[in-house]
Amino acid sequence: MLISEFAARTGVSARALRHYEHRELLAAERDTNGYRVYAESDVPRVLQIKAMINAGLATSTIRRYIDCAQTGEHGTTLEMCPELRAEVDAISAHIDQQQAMLNDTKQRLCTLTSKN
């Protein structure tokens, strides 16, 4: 299927599909006119990429671990290896740090605006 059909089928924009290809996450065949052509078998991969991006993984991380993604009846999951576990834990720790900073900022704003 052509990129516009594939975009509609996966819920991912054509621009995002080209970005996935540029980042070597997805490979499209080319027809004689040079148009990208996708197979039905590419749908799960795009859905895995989309799920991993939505979970906060960078495309460089996804490229390294896309083969660990499994799609089942409960969505996309990752088969964890030690390297991926370390990256996921680092992302989680970074989110915790950002949340703590936001909480501190919120507390300072409350202190500034409270009436004595």
C-alpha atoms as a PDB file:
ATOM      1  CA  MET A   1       0.000   0.000   0.000  1.00  0.00           C
ATOM      2  CA  LEU A   2       1.154   3.542  -0.680  1.00  0.00           C
ATOM      3  CA  ILE A   3       2.198   5.909   2.094  1.00  0.00           C
ATOM      4  CA  SER A   4      -1.155   7.723   2.310  1.00  0.00           C
ATOM      5  CA  GLU A   5      -3.037   4.425   2.665  1.00  0.00           C
ATOM      6  CA  PHE A   6      -0.482   3.135   5.152  1.00  0.00           C
ATOM      7  CA  ALA A   7      -0.682   6.325   7.194  1.00  0.00           C
ATOM      8  CA  ALA A   8      -4.464   5.996   7.392  1.00  0.00           C
ATOM      9  CA  ARG A   9      -4.177   2.292   8.272  1.00  0.00           C
ATOM     10  CA  THR A  10      -1.703   2.869  11.128  1.00  0.00           C
ATOM     11  CA  GLY A  11      -2.882   6.250  12.407  1.00  0.00           C
ATOM     12  CA  VAL A  12       0.600   7.674  11.852  1.00  0.00           C
ATOM     13  CA  SER A  13       1.202  10.640   9.559  1.00  0.00           C
ATOM     14  CA  ALA A  14       3.071  10.236   6.295  1.00  0.00           C
ATOM     15  CA  ARG A  15       5.650  12.648   7.667  1.00  0.00           C
ATOM     16  CA  ALA A  16       6.182  10.414  10.720  1.00  0.00           C
ATOM     17  CA  LEU A  17       6.538   7.359   8.465  1.00  0.00           C
ATOM     18  CA  ARG A  18       9.236   9.123   6.445  1.00  0.00           C
ATOM     19  CA  HIS A  19      10.926  10.081   9.733  1.00  0.00           C
ATOM     20  CA  TYR A  20      10.846   6.438  10.892  1.00  0.00           C
ATOM     21  CA  GLU A  21      12.457   5.445   7.615  1.00  0.00           C
ATOM     22  CA  HIS A  22      15.091   8.174   7.948  1.00  0.00           C
ATOM     23  CA  ARG A  23      15.870   6.985  11.492  1.00  0.00           C
ATOM     24  CA  GLU A  24      16.174   3.394  10.162  1.00  0.00           C
ATOM     25  CA  LEU A  25      13.207   2.106  12.150  1.00  0.00           C
ATOM     26  CA  LEU A  26      11.189   1.156   9.094  1.00  0.00           C
ATOM     27  CA  ALA A  27      12.122   0.218   5.549  1.00  0.00           C
ATOM     28  CA  ALA A  28       9.736   0.756   2.670  1.00  0.00           C
ATOM     29  CA  GLU A  29       9.989  -0.882  -0.700  1.00  0.00           C
ATOM     30  CA  ARG A  30       9.901   1.385  -3.764  1.00  0.00           C
ATOM     31  CA  ASP A  31       7.741   0.863  -6.831  1.00  0.00           C
ATOM     32  CA  THR A  32       8.845   1.684 -10.379  1.00  0.00           C
ATOM     33  CA  ASN A  33       7.771   5.332  -9.881  1.00  0.00           C
ATOM     34  CA  GLY A  34       9.877   5.598  -6.729  1.00  0.00           C
ATOM     35  CA  TYR A  35       6.836   5.731  -4.417  1.00  0.00           C
ATOM     36  CA  ARG A  36       7.104   4.066  -1.034  1.00  0.00           C
ATOM     37  CA  VAL A  37       5.155   0.826  -0.813  1.00  0.00           C
ATOM     38  CA  TYR A  38       4.329  -0.808   2.514  1.00  0.00           C
ATOM     39  CA  ALA A  39       3.182  -4.348   3.244  1.00  0.00           C
ATOM     40  CA  GLU A  40       0.477  -5.382   5.666  1.00  0.00           C
ATOM     41  CA  SER A  41       3.268  -6.993   7.701  1.00  0.00           C
ATOM     42  CA  ASP A  42       4.698  -3.480   8.345  1.00  0.00           C
ATOM     43  CA  VAL A  43       1.610  -2.467  10.355  1.00  0.00           C
ATOM     44  CA  PRO A  44       2.621  -4.160  13.648  1.00  0.00           C
ATOM     45  CA  ARG A  45       6.116  -2.652  13.437  1.00  0.00           C
ATOM     46  CA  VAL A  46       4.720   0.870  13.062  1.00  0.00           C
ATOM     47  CA  LEU A  47       2.353   0.282  15.968  1.00  0.00           C
ATOM     48  CA  GLN A  48       5.308  -0.933  18.053  1.00  0.00           C
ATOM     49  CA  ILE A  49       7.329   2.160  17.129  1.00  0.00           C
ATOM     50  CA  LYS A  50       4.381   4.388  17.980  1.00  0.00           C
ATOM     51  CA  ALA A  51       3.881   2.659  21.365  1.00  0.00           C
ATOM     52  CA  MET A  52       7.577   2.961  22.203  1.00  0.00           C
ATOM     53  CA  ILE A  53       7.660   6.654  21.290  1.00  0.00           C
ATOM     54  CA  ASN A  54       4.514   7.258  23.350  1.00  0.00           C
ATOM     55  CA  ALA A  55       6.272   5.556  26.285  1.00  0.00           C
ATOM     56  CA  GLY A  56       9.088   8.106  26.062  1.00  0.00           C
ATOM     57  CA  LEU A  57      11.767   6.145  24.230  1.00  0.00           C
ATOM     58  CA  ALA A  58      13.963   8.027  21.778  1.00  0.00           C
ATOM     59  CA  THR A  59      14.191   6.779  18.213  1.00  0.00           C
ATOM     60  CA  SER A  60      17.850   5.904  18.764  1.00  0.00           C
ATOM     61  CA  THR A  61      16.815   3.634  21.646  1.00  0.00           C
ATOM     62  CA  ILE A  62      13.954   2.190  19.629  1.00  0.00           C
ATOM     63  CA  ARG A  63      16.330   1.357  16.773  1.00  0.00           C
ATOM     64  CA  ARG A  64      18.504  -0.669  19.160  1.00  0.00           C
ATOM     65  CA  TYR A  65      15.625  -2.511  20.823  1.00  0.00           C
ATOM     66  CA  ILE A  66      12.795  -2.730  18.266  1.00  0.00           C
ATOM     67  CA  ASP A  67      13.392  -6.464  17.967  1.00  0.00           C
ATOM     68  CA  CYS A  68      12.538  -6.788  21.678  1.00  0.00           C
ATOM     69  CA  ALA A  69       9.008  -5.484  21.021  1.00  0.00           C
ATOM     70  CA  GLN A  70       6.173  -7.976  21.045  1.00  0.00           C
ATOM     71  CA  THR A  71       2.608  -7.169  20.057  1.00  0.00           C
ATOM     72  CA  GLY A  72      -0.154  -9.233  21.572  1.00  0.00           C
ATOM     73  CA  GLU A  73      -3.759  -8.923  22.584  1.00  0.00           C
ATOM     74  CA  HIS A  74      -2.772  -6.498  25.377  1.00  0.00           C
ATOM     75  CA  GLY A  75      -0.760  -4.173  23.126  1.00  0.00           C
ATOM     76  CA  THR A  76       2.971  -3.780  22.771  1.00  0.00           C
ATOM     77  CA  THR A  77       5.374  -5.053  25.414  1.00  0.00           C
ATOM     78  CA  LEU A  78       9.149  -5.273  25.529  1.00  0.00           C
ATOM     79  CA  GLU A  79      11.205  -8.347  26.223  1.00  0.00           C
ATOM     80  CA  MET A  80      13.625  -6.882  28.732  1.00  0.00           C
ATOM     81  CA  CYS A  81      17.346  -7.465  28.441  1.00  0.00           C
ATOM     82  CA  PRO A  82      19.811  -5.895  30.921  1.00  0.00           C
ATOM     83  CA  GLU A  83      20.771  -3.056  28.560  1.00  0.00           C
ATOM     84  CA  LEU A  84      17.176  -2.104  27.826  1.00  0.00           C
ATOM     85  CA  ARG A  85      16.265  -2.379  31.519  1.00  0.00           C
ATOM     86  CA  ALA A  86      19.067   0.081  32.327  1.00  0.00           C
ATOM     87  CA  GLU A  87      17.800   2.573  29.723  1.00  0.00           C
ATOM     88  CA  VAL A  88      14.188   2.272  30.888  1.00  0.00           C
ATOM     89  CA  ASP A  89      15.291   2.726  34.500  1.00  0.00           C
ATOM     90  CA  ALA A  90      17.314   5.818  33.534  1.00  0.00           C
ATOM     91  CA  ILE A  91      14.296   7.329  31.768  1.00  0.00           C
ATOM     92  CA  SER A  92      12.130   6.587  34.796  1.00  0.00           C
ATOM     93  CA  ALA A  93      14.662   8.180  37.150  1.00  0.00           C
ATOM     94  CA  HIS A  94      14.809  11.262  34.939  1.00  0.00           C
ATOM     95  CA  ILE A  95      11.002  11.538  35.028  1.00  0.00           C
ATOM     96  CA  ASP A  96      11.079  11.226  38.834  1.00  0.00           C
ATOM     97  CA  GLN A  97      13.671  14.015  38.993  1.00  0.00           C
ATOM     98  CA  GLN A  98      11.591  16.265  36.735  1.00  0.00           C
ATOM     99  CA  GLN A  99       8.485  15.552  38.829  1.00  0.00           C
ATOM    100  CA  ALA A 100      10.339  16.492  42.025  1.00  0.00           C
ATOM    101  CA  MET A 101      11.504  19.753  40.439  1.00  0.00           C
ATOM    102  CA  LEU A 102       7.935  20.566  39.352  1.00  0.00           C
ATOM    103  CA  ASN A 103       6.648  19.832  42.854  1.00  0.00           C
ATOM    104  CA  ASP A 104       9.306  22.151  44.333  1.00  0.00           C
ATOM    105  CA  THR A 105       8.369  24.881  41.873  1.00  0.00           C
ATOM    106  CA  LYS A 106       4.694  24.467  42.686  1.00  0.00           C
ATOM    107  CA  GLN A 107       5.454  24.701  46.416  1.00  0.00           C
ATOM    108  CA  ARG A 108       7.473  27.899  45.907  1.00  0.00           C
ATOM    109  CA  LEU A 109       4.599  29.412  43.900  1.00  0.00           C
ATOM    110  CA  CYS A 110       2.157  28.518  46.666  1.00  0.00           C
ATOM    111  CA  THR A 111       4.473  30.087  49.238  1.00  0.00           C
ATOM    112  CA  LEU A 112       4.739  33.291  47.172  1.00  0.00           C
ATOM    113  CA  THR A 113       1.005  33.590  46.722  1.00  0.00           C
ATOM    114  CA  SER A 114      -0.154  32.603  50.199  1.00  0.00           C
ATOM    115  CA  LYS A 115      -1.607  35.303  52.450  1.00  0.00           C
ATOM    116  CA  ASN A 116      -0.123  35.667  55.912  1.00  0.00           C
END
